[in-house]
């Protein structure tokens, strides 16, 4: 009888282990997926804050992007300030040299108020340039405009003087608003999405003349 009690106790112990083991496996299976399975989201937005489209991509983590064209300059400075028909004012600088990348963009936005950001990359082809900023402060977050967004914008420097065409800006902004779900730092993000690779993004479909202000790419 004593042996039977020991056997029953051992059986109960094993059954408890199986039960809790199974329960844990079910819990793990129900855990929401994290990382690339969620999909990195990219929004295209107009200057007046209207989101045109949002697409989802799966980033290739921990693998460096390969660019068919070399657009990295030893020294590059992209600066400017301009008003837009929507009533927004942009003031920006994106400087790259042997010390790295520096600069900022400040936007006085009719809907979001004052937006402050720091430049994280810049690239160019001749007089056309692209730069990206990390939004560090958004006075009134709206829609896709939130603190910690990474925003890309393109500009064109058409020269100076009375006979020069007006400088231009891209009609839309590219916004990666959940990049931090996949990358620990902006530098990690830029390994997969450097300015030189985003330069030819098909979402940049057009440019608008700058009527008040100017852009310099040098």
C-alpha atoms as a PDB file:
ATOM      1  CA  UNK A   1       0.000   0.000   0.000  1.00  0.00           C
ATOM      2  CA  UNK A   2       2.898   2.310   0.854  1.00  0.00           C
ATOM      3  CA  UNK A   3       4.427   1.688  -2.581  1.00  0.00           C
ATOM      4  CA  UNK A   4       1.075   2.431  -4.183  1.00  0.00           C
ATOM      5  CA  UNK A   5       0.871   5.804  -2.401  1.00  0.00           C
ATOM      6  CA  UNK A   6       4.373   6.698  -3.596  1.00  0.00           C
ATOM      7  CA  UNK A   7       3.428   5.715  -7.148  1.00  0.00           C
ATOM      8  CA  UNK A   8       0.273   7.826  -7.019  1.00  0.00           C
ATOM      9  CA  UNK A   9       2.229  10.814  -5.684  1.00  0.00           C
ATOM     10  CA  UNK A  10       4.814  10.479  -8.425  1.00  0.00           C
ATOM     11  CA  UNK A  11       2.057  10.220 -11.023  1.00  0.00           C
ATOM     12  CA  UNK A  12       0.383  13.364  -9.643  1.00  0.00           C
ATOM     13  CA  UNK A  13       3.677  15.262  -9.742  1.00  0.00           C
ATOM     14  CA  UNK A  14       4.331  14.257 -13.354  1.00  0.00           C
ATOM     15  CA  UNK A  15       0.776  15.157 -14.321  1.00  0.00           C
ATOM     16  CA  UNK A  16       1.227  18.603 -12.770  1.00  0.00           C
ATOM     17  CA  UNK A  17       4.434  19.139 -14.726  1.00  0.00           C
ATOM     18  CA  UNK A  18       2.715  18.164 -17.968  1.00  0.00           C
ATOM     19  CA  UNK A  19      -0.244  20.429 -17.205  1.00  0.00           C
ATOM     20  CA  UNK A  20       1.842  23.494 -16.437  1.00  0.00           C
ATOM     21  CA  UNK A  21       4.142  22.761 -19.357  1.00  0.00           C
ATOM     22  CA  UNK A  22       1.216  22.627 -21.771  1.00  0.00           C
ATOM     23  CA  UNK A  23      -0.292  25.745 -20.264  1.00  0.00           C
ATOM     24  CA  UNK A  24       2.951  27.647 -20.795  1.00  0.00           C
ATOM     25  CA  UNK A  25       3.197  26.488 -24.397  1.00  0.00           C
ATOM     26  CA  UNK A  26      -0.306  27.799 -25.101  1.00  0.00           C
ATOM     27  CA  UNK A  27       0.554  31.146 -23.524  1.00  0.00           C
ATOM     28  CA  UNK A  28       3.683  31.453 -25.628  1.00  0.00           C
ATOM     29  CA  UNK A  29       1.761  30.657 -28.805  1.00  0.00           C
ATOM     30  CA  UNK A  30      -0.672  33.474 -28.020  1.00  0.00           C
ATOM     31  CA  UNK A  31       2.048  36.078 -27.483  1.00  0.00           C
ATOM     32  CA  UNK A  32       1.730  38.862 -30.085  1.00  0.00           C
ATOM     33  CA  UNK A  33       4.351  38.708 -32.791  1.00  0.00           C
ATOM     34  CA  UNK A  34       7.180  41.191 -32.508  1.00  0.00           C
ATOM     35  CA  UNK A  35       9.819  42.438 -34.891  1.00  0.00           C
ATOM     36  CA  UNK A  36       9.686  42.134 -38.686  1.00  0.00           C
ATOM     37  CA  UNK A  37       6.426  40.142 -38.630  1.00  0.00           C
ATOM     38  CA  UNK A  38       4.610  43.365 -37.726  1.00  0.00           C
ATOM     39  CA  UNK A  39       5.787  45.151 -40.863  1.00  0.00           C
ATOM     40  CA  UNK A  40       7.606  48.488 -40.983  1.00  0.00           C
ATOM     41  CA  UNK A  41       5.149  51.214 -42.007  1.00  0.00           C
ATOM     42  CA  UNK A  42       5.919  54.089 -44.372  1.00  0.00           C
ATOM     43  CA  UNK A  43       3.474  56.947 -44.850  1.00  0.00           C
ATOM     44  CA  UNK A  44       3.443  59.546 -47.597  1.00  0.00           C
ATOM     45  CA  UNK A  45       2.130  62.904 -46.397  1.00  0.00           C
ATOM     46  CA  UNK A  46       1.527  66.268 -48.023  1.00  0.00           C
ATOM     47  CA  UNK A  47       2.838  69.516 -46.588  1.00  0.00           C
ATOM     48  CA  UNK A  48      -0.604  70.353 -45.187  1.00  0.00           C
ATOM     49  CA  UNK A  49      -0.697  67.142 -43.121  1.00  0.00           C
ATOM     50  CA  UNK A  50      -2.812  64.895 -45.351  1.00  0.00           C
ATOM     51  CA  UNK A  51      -1.679  61.247 -45.379  1.00  0.00           C
ATOM     52  CA  UNK A  52      -1.938  59.945 -48.943  1.00  0.00           C
ATOM     53  CA  UNK A  53      -0.966  56.326 -48.389  1.00  0.00           C
ATOM     54  CA  UNK A  54       0.669  53.940 -45.913  1.00  0.00           C
ATOM     55  CA  UNK A  55       2.544  50.874 -47.077  1.00  0.00           C
ATOM     56  CA  UNK A  56       4.094  48.041 -45.086  1.00  0.00           C
ATOM     57  CA  UNK A  57       7.503  46.527 -45.745  1.00  0.00           C
ATOM     58  CA  UNK A  58       9.640  43.907 -44.054  1.00  0.00           C
ATOM     59  CA  UNK A  59      13.073  45.318 -43.245  1.00  0.00           C
ATOM     60  CA  UNK A  60      16.158  43.191 -43.797  1.00  0.00           C
ATOM     61  CA  UNK A  61      17.582  43.471 -40.316  1.00  0.00           C
ATOM     62  CA  UNK A  62      21.311  43.331 -39.624  1.00  0.00           C
ATOM     63  CA  UNK A  63      22.205  43.422 -43.336  1.00  0.00           C
ATOM     64  CA  UNK A  64      23.745  46.475 -44.935  1.00  0.00           C
ATOM     65  CA  UNK A  65      21.954  48.006 -47.891  1.00  0.00           C
ATOM     66  CA  UNK A  66      23.743  47.732 -51.228  1.00  0.00           C
ATOM     67  CA  UNK A  67      23.525  50.801 -53.460  1.00  0.00           C
ATOM     68  CA  UNK A  68      24.148  50.495 -57.178  1.00  0.00           C
ATOM     69  CA  UNK A  69      25.229  54.141 -57.353  1.00  0.00           C
ATOM     70  CA  UNK A  70      27.630  55.885 -55.008  1.00  0.00           C
ATOM     71  CA  UNK A  71      26.043  59.116 -53.788  1.00  0.00           C
ATOM     72  CA  UNK A  72      28.188  59.669 -50.717  1.00  0.00           C
ATOM     73  CA  UNK A  73      30.093  62.952 -50.758  1.00  0.00           C
ATOM     74  CA  UNK A  74      33.117  63.811 -48.646  1.00  0.00           C
ATOM     75  CA  UNK A  75      31.658  67.248 -47.912  1.00  0.00           C
ATOM     76  CA  UNK A  76      28.049  68.217 -48.487  1.00  0.00           C
ATOM     77  CA  UNK A  77      25.905  71.036 -47.142  1.00  0.00           C
ATOM     78  CA  UNK A  78      22.178  71.358 -47.827  1.00  0.00           C
ATOM     79  CA  UNK A  79      20.546  74.413 -46.277  1.00  0.00           C
ATOM     80  CA  UNK A  80      17.508  76.557 -46.844  1.00  0.00           C
ATOM     81  CA  UNK A  81      14.340  78.161 -45.659  1.00  0.00           C
ATOM     82  CA  UNK A  82      11.026  78.641 -47.390  1.00  0.00           C
ATOM     83  CA  UNK A  83       7.296  79.171 -46.969  1.00  0.00           C
ATOM     84  CA  UNK A  84       4.712  76.857 -48.507  1.00  0.00           C
ATOM     85  CA  UNK A  85       1.221  77.639 -49.860  1.00  0.00           C
ATOM     86  CA  UNK A  86      -0.209  75.815 -46.813  1.00  0.00           C
ATOM     87  CA  UNK A  87       1.285  78.482 -44.564  1.00  0.00           C
ATOM     88  CA  UNK A  88       4.115  76.344 -43.187  1.00  0.00           C
ATOM     89  CA  UNK A  89       7.651  77.667 -42.767  1.00  0.00           C
ATOM     90  CA  UNK A  90      10.716  75.385 -43.083  1.00  0.00           C
ATOM     91  CA  UNK A  91      14.213  76.248 -41.859  1.00  0.00           C
ATOM     92  CA  UNK A  92      16.793  73.467 -42.222  1.00  0.00           C
ATOM     93  CA  UNK A  93      20.440  72.475 -42.457  1.00  0.00           C
ATOM     94  CA  UNK A  94      22.023  69.128 -43.285  1.00  0.00           C
ATOM     95  CA  UNK A  95      25.820  69.075 -43.255  1.00  0.00           C
ATOM     96  CA  UNK A  96      28.072  66.063 -43.841  1.00  0.00           C
ATOM     97  CA  UNK A  97      31.861  66.063 -43.532  1.00  0.00           C
ATOM     98  CA  UNK A  98      34.644  63.995 -42.021  1.00  0.00           C
ATOM     99  CA  UNK A  99      33.189  64.644 -38.556  1.00  0.00           C
ATOM    100  CA  UNK A 100      29.842  63.067 -39.469  1.00  0.00           C
ATOM    101  CA  UNK A 101      26.320  64.430 -39.924  1.00  0.00           C
ATOM    102  CA  UNK A 102      24.897  67.474 -38.193  1.00  0.00           C
ATOM    103  CA  UNK A 103      22.031  69.883 -38.662  1.00  0.00           C
ATOM    104  CA  UNK A 104      18.406  70.455 -37.804  1.00  0.00           C
ATOM    105  CA  UNK A 105      15.038  71.311 -39.263  1.00  0.00           C
ATOM    106  CA  UNK A 106      12.463  73.558 -37.628  1.00  0.00           C
ATOM    107  CA  UNK A 107       8.972  73.813 -39.079  1.00  0.00           C
ATOM    108  CA  UNK A 108       6.318  76.296 -37.996  1.00  0.00           C
ATOM    109  CA  UNK A 109       3.267  74.245 -38.989  1.00  0.00           C
ATOM    110  CA  UNK A 110      -0.260  75.654 -39.186  1.00  0.00           C
ATOM    111  CA  UNK A 111      -1.739  72.515 -37.597  1.00  0.00           C
ATOM    112  CA  UNK A 112       1.041  70.952 -35.508  1.00  0.00           C
ATOM    113  CA  UNK A 113       2.636  74.172 -34.280  1.00  0.00           C
ATOM    114  CA  UNK A 114       6.404  74.222 -33.874  1.00  0.00           C
ATOM    115  CA  UNK A 115       8.177  71.030 -34.983  1.00  0.00           C
ATOM    116  CA  UNK A 116      11.836  70.542 -34.074  1.00  0.00           C
ATOM    117  CA  UNK A 117      14.118  67.824 -35.413  1.00  0.00           C
ATOM    118  CA  UNK A 118      17.736  66.806 -35.861  1.00  0.00           C
ATOM    119  CA  UNK A 119      19.320  65.795 -39.161  1.00  0.00           C
ATOM    120  CA  UNK A 120      20.433  62.155 -39.333  1.00  0.00           C
ATOM    121  CA  UNK A 121      21.492  61.719 -42.989  1.00  0.00           C
ATOM    122  CA  UNK A 122      21.918  63.596 -46.260  1.00  0.00           C
ATOM    123  CA  UNK A 123      22.776  62.692 -49.856  1.00  0.00           C
ATOM    124  CA  UNK A 124      22.672  64.338 -53.272  1.00  0.00           C
ATOM    125  CA  UNK A 125      22.876  63.932 -57.026  1.00  0.00           C
ATOM    126  CA  UNK A 126      24.185  67.151 -58.549  1.00  0.00           C
ATOM    127  CA  UNK A 127      21.819  69.947 -57.439  1.00  0.00           C
ATOM    128  CA  UNK A 128      19.113  67.614 -56.082  1.00  0.00           C
ATOM    129  CA  UNK A 129      19.393  66.480 -52.455  1.00  0.00           C
ATOM    130  CA  UNK A 130      17.584  64.362 -49.897  1.00  0.00           C
ATOM    131  CA  UNK A 131      17.905  64.536 -46.137  1.00  0.00           C
ATOM    132  CA  UNK A 132      16.250  62.824 -43.192  1.00  0.00           C
ATOM    133  CA  UNK A 133      15.446  64.145 -39.743  1.00  0.00           C
ATOM    134  CA  UNK A 134      14.356  62.637 -36.440  1.00  0.00           C
ATOM    135  CA  UNK A 135      11.487  64.626 -34.931  1.00  0.00           C
ATOM    136  CA  UNK A 136      12.481  65.571 -31.386  1.00  0.00           C
ATOM    137  CA  UNK A 137       9.521  67.811 -30.522  1.00  0.00           C
ATOM    138  CA  UNK A 138       6.035  68.272 -31.971  1.00  0.00           C
ATOM    139  CA  UNK A 139       3.992  70.974 -30.241  1.00  0.00           C
ATOM    140  CA  UNK A 140       0.619  69.450 -31.197  1.00  0.00           C
ATOM    141  CA  UNK A 141       0.966  65.840 -32.463  1.00  0.00           C
ATOM    142  CA  UNK A 142      -1.484  65.175 -35.308  1.00  0.00           C
ATOM    143  CA  UNK A 143      -1.886  62.206 -37.607  1.00  0.00           C
ATOM    144  CA  UNK A 144       1.481  61.015 -38.841  1.00  0.00           C
ATOM    145  CA  UNK A 145       3.332  63.959 -37.264  1.00  0.00           C
ATOM    146  CA  UNK A 146       4.538  62.597 -33.948  1.00  0.00           C
ATOM    147  CA  UNK A 147       7.693  62.886 -31.888  1.00  0.00           C
ATOM    148  CA  UNK A 148      10.273  60.232 -32.841  1.00  0.00           C
ATOM    149  CA  UNK A 149       9.137  60.024 -36.497  1.00  0.00           C
ATOM    150  CA  UNK A 150      11.866  59.777 -39.116  1.00  0.00           C
ATOM    151  CA  UNK A 151      11.028  62.087 -42.031  1.00  0.00           C
ATOM    152  CA  UNK A 152      12.629  62.298 -45.498  1.00  0.00           C
ATOM    153  CA  UNK A 153      12.335  65.321 -47.773  1.00  0.00           C
ATOM    154  CA  UNK A 154      13.905  66.189 -51.148  1.00  0.00           C
ATOM    155  CA  UNK A 155      14.914  69.629 -52.407  1.00  0.00           C
ATOM    156  CA  UNK A 156      16.412  71.077 -55.598  1.00  0.00           C
ATOM    157  CA  UNK A 157      18.801  74.013 -55.878  1.00  0.00           C
ATOM    158  CA  UNK A 158      18.278  75.692 -59.258  1.00  0.00           C
ATOM    159  CA  UNK A 159      20.867  78.409 -58.717  1.00  0.00           C
ATOM    160  CA  UNK A 160      20.690  82.066 -57.873  1.00  0.00           C
ATOM    161  CA  UNK A 161      20.031  85.180 -59.876  1.00  0.00           C
ATOM    162  CA  UNK A 162      17.170  86.693 -61.848  1.00  0.00           C
ATOM    163  CA  UNK A 163      17.448  84.227 -64.719  1.00  0.00           C
ATOM    164  CA  UNK A 164      17.507  81.090 -62.544  1.00  0.00           C
ATOM    165  CA  UNK A 165      14.494  78.842 -62.144  1.00  0.00           C
ATOM    166  CA  UNK A 166      12.914  78.764 -58.651  1.00  0.00           C
ATOM    167  CA  UNK A 167      14.309  76.265 -56.184  1.00  0.00           C
ATOM    168  CA  UNK A 168      12.007  73.316 -55.459  1.00  0.00           C
ATOM    169  CA  UNK A 169      10.845  70.953 -52.711  1.00  0.00           C
ATOM    170  CA  UNK A 170       9.251  67.522 -52.924  1.00  0.00           C
ATOM    171  CA  UNK A 171       5.453  67.529 -53.017  1.00  0.00           C
ATOM    172  CA  UNK A 172       5.317  64.899 -50.272  1.00  0.00           C
ATOM    173  CA  UNK A 173       7.211  63.813 -47.167  1.00  0.00           C
ATOM    174  CA  UNK A 174       8.121  60.195 -46.428  1.00  0.00           C
ATOM    175  CA  UNK A 175       7.506  59.302 -42.781  1.00  0.00           C
ATOM    176  CA  UNK A 176       8.668  56.146 -40.975  1.00  0.00           C
ATOM    177  CA  UNK A 177       6.641  56.379 -37.773  1.00  0.00           C
ATOM    178  CA  UNK A 178       7.250  52.974 -36.143  1.00  0.00           C
ATOM    179  CA  UNK A 179      10.915  52.394 -37.036  1.00  0.00           C
ATOM    180  CA  UNK A 180      11.802  51.987 -33.332  1.00  0.00           C
ATOM    181  CA  UNK A 181       9.851  48.705 -33.201  1.00  0.00           C
ATOM    182  CA  UNK A 182      12.594  47.221 -35.386  1.00  0.00           C
ATOM    183  CA  UNK A 183      15.760  49.213 -34.704  1.00  0.00           C
ATOM    184  CA  UNK A 184      17.385  50.269 -31.452  1.00  0.00           C
ATOM    185  CA  UNK A 185      18.789  53.556 -32.806  1.00  0.00           C
ATOM    186  CA  UNK A 186      18.362  55.820 -35.850  1.00  0.00           C
ATOM    187  CA  UNK A 187      21.867  54.761 -36.893  1.00  0.00           C
ATOM    188  CA  UNK A 188      20.702  51.135 -37.028  1.00  0.00           C
ATOM    189  CA  UNK A 189      17.700  52.194 -39.134  1.00  0.00           C
ATOM    190  CA  UNK A 190      19.969  54.045 -41.571  1.00  0.00           C
ATOM    191  CA  UNK A 191      21.918  50.867 -42.291  1.00  0.00           C
ATOM    192  CA  UNK A 192      18.844  49.544 -44.124  1.00  0.00           C
ATOM    193  CA  UNK A 193      17.423  52.924 -45.216  1.00  0.00           C
ATOM    194  CA  UNK A 194      20.253  55.395 -45.893  1.00  0.00           C
ATOM    195  CA  UNK A 195      19.423  58.635 -47.689  1.00  0.00           C
ATOM    196  CA  UNK A 196      21.303  57.401 -50.756  1.00  0.00           C
ATOM    197  CA  UNK A 197      18.945  54.405 -51.034  1.00  0.00           C
ATOM    198  CA  UNK A 198      15.738  56.349 -50.329  1.00  0.00           C
ATOM    199  CA  UNK A 199      16.745  58.923 -52.976  1.00  0.00           C
ATOM    200  CA  UNK A 200      14.984  56.972 -55.747  1.00  0.00           C
ATOM    201  CA  UNK A 201      11.900  56.012 -53.725  1.00  0.00           C
ATOM    202  CA  UNK A 202       8.993  56.024 -56.217  1.00  0.00           C
ATOM    203  CA  UNK A 203       6.794  57.908 -53.740  1.00  0.00           C
ATOM    204  CA  UNK A 204       8.749  61.064 -54.587  1.00  0.00           C
ATOM    205  CA  UNK A 205       6.581  61.813 -57.608  1.00  0.00           C
ATOM    206  CA  UNK A 206       6.935  65.559 -58.070  1.00  0.00           C
ATOM    207  CA  UNK A 207       8.332  68.905 -56.978  1.00  0.00           C
ATOM    208  CA  UNK A 208       6.808  72.299 -56.228  1.00  0.00           C
ATOM    209  CA  UNK A 209       8.485  75.637 -56.939  1.00  0.00           C
ATOM    210  CA  UNK A 210       9.515  77.613 -53.869  1.00  0.00           C
ATOM    211  CA  UNK A 211       8.007  81.076 -54.265  1.00  0.00           C
ATOM    212  CA  UNK A 212       9.349  82.539 -51.013  1.00  0.00           C
ATOM    213  CA  UNK A 213      12.751  81.361 -49.843  1.00  0.00           C
ATOM    214  CA  UNK A 214      15.648  79.379 -51.236  1.00  0.00           C
ATOM    215  CA  UNK A 215      17.626  76.124 -51.107  1.00  0.00           C
ATOM    216  CA  UNK A 216      21.373  75.682 -51.376  1.00  0.00           C
ATOM    217  CA  UNK A 217      23.140  72.405 -52.228  1.00  0.00           C
ATOM    218  CA  UNK A 218      26.893  72.730 -52.164  1.00  0.00           C
END
